[in-house]
Amino acid sequence: MRQAQVWTATIIGGLLWLASIGTSGAEQGFDEKYQRDFNIFNPINQYQS
């Protein structure tokens, strides 16, 4: 029983480690082409100049 718990923890830890390596090379920030110049929660502001 104890050996199964250690094995499961090792597998989960390894998967988390692999996931962290995979996302570490991702580009940080938000792409400018998707940014809006108005508040999406109050869209009437997009029509004001």
Protein backbone atom coordinates (compact mmCIF):
# COMPACT_ATOMS: atom_id res chain seq x y z
CA MET A 1 0.00 0.00 0.00
CA ARG A 2 2.75 2.45 0.93
CA GLN A 3 4.72 1.62 -2.21
CA ALA A 4 1.67 2.36 -4.37
CA GLN A 5 1.29 5.79 -2.75
CA VAL A 6 4.93 6.62 -3.35
CA TRP A 7 4.66 5.47 -6.96
CA THR A 8 1.53 7.58 -7.51
CA ALA A 9 3.16 10.64 -5.95
CA THR A 10 6.23 10.14 -8.15
CA ILE A 11 4.12 9.95 -11.30
CA ILE A 12 2.10 13.04 -10.37
CA GLY A 13 5.26 14.95 -9.45
CA GLY A 14 6.87 13.99 -12.74
CA LEU A 15 3.87 15.13 -14.73
CA LEU A 16 3.78 18.46 -12.90
CA TRP A 17 7.49 18.90 -13.56
CA LEU A 18 7.02 18.20 -17.27
CA ALA A 19 4.10 20.63 -17.43
CA SER A 20 6.19 23.38 -15.82
CA ILE A 21 9.00 22.81 -18.33
CA GLY A 22 6.57 22.96 -21.24
CA THR A 23 5.09 26.30 -20.21
CA SER A 24 8.34 27.99 -19.17
CA GLY A 25 9.20 28.81 -22.78
CA ALA A 26 5.83 30.42 -23.47
CA GLU A 27 5.75 34.06 -24.42
CA GLN A 28 4.79 36.28 -21.51
CA GLY A 29 2.15 38.98 -21.78
CA PHE A 30 -0.87 39.54 -23.95
CA ASP A 31 -0.68 39.98 -27.70
CA GLU A 32 -1.42 43.58 -28.67
CA LYS A 33 -3.63 42.65 -31.61
CA TYR A 34 -6.19 41.24 -29.18
CA GLN A 35 -6.26 44.26 -26.88
CA ARG A 36 -9.22 46.63 -27.01
CA ASP A 37 -9.21 50.35 -26.35
CA PHE A 38 -12.58 50.18 -24.57
CA ASN A 39 -13.95 48.47 -21.50
CA ILE A 40 -15.72 45.24 -22.50
CA PHE A 41 -17.89 45.49 -19.38
CA ASN A 42 -19.26 48.87 -20.48
CA PRO A 43 -19.28 48.66 -24.30
CA ILE A 44 -21.09 51.99 -24.81
CA ASN A 45 -17.70 53.64 -24.24
CA GLN A 46 -16.41 52.30 -27.56
CA TYR A 47 -18.76 54.67 -29.42
CA GLN A 48 -17.64 57.76 -27.54
CA SER A 49 -14.87 59.80 -29.07
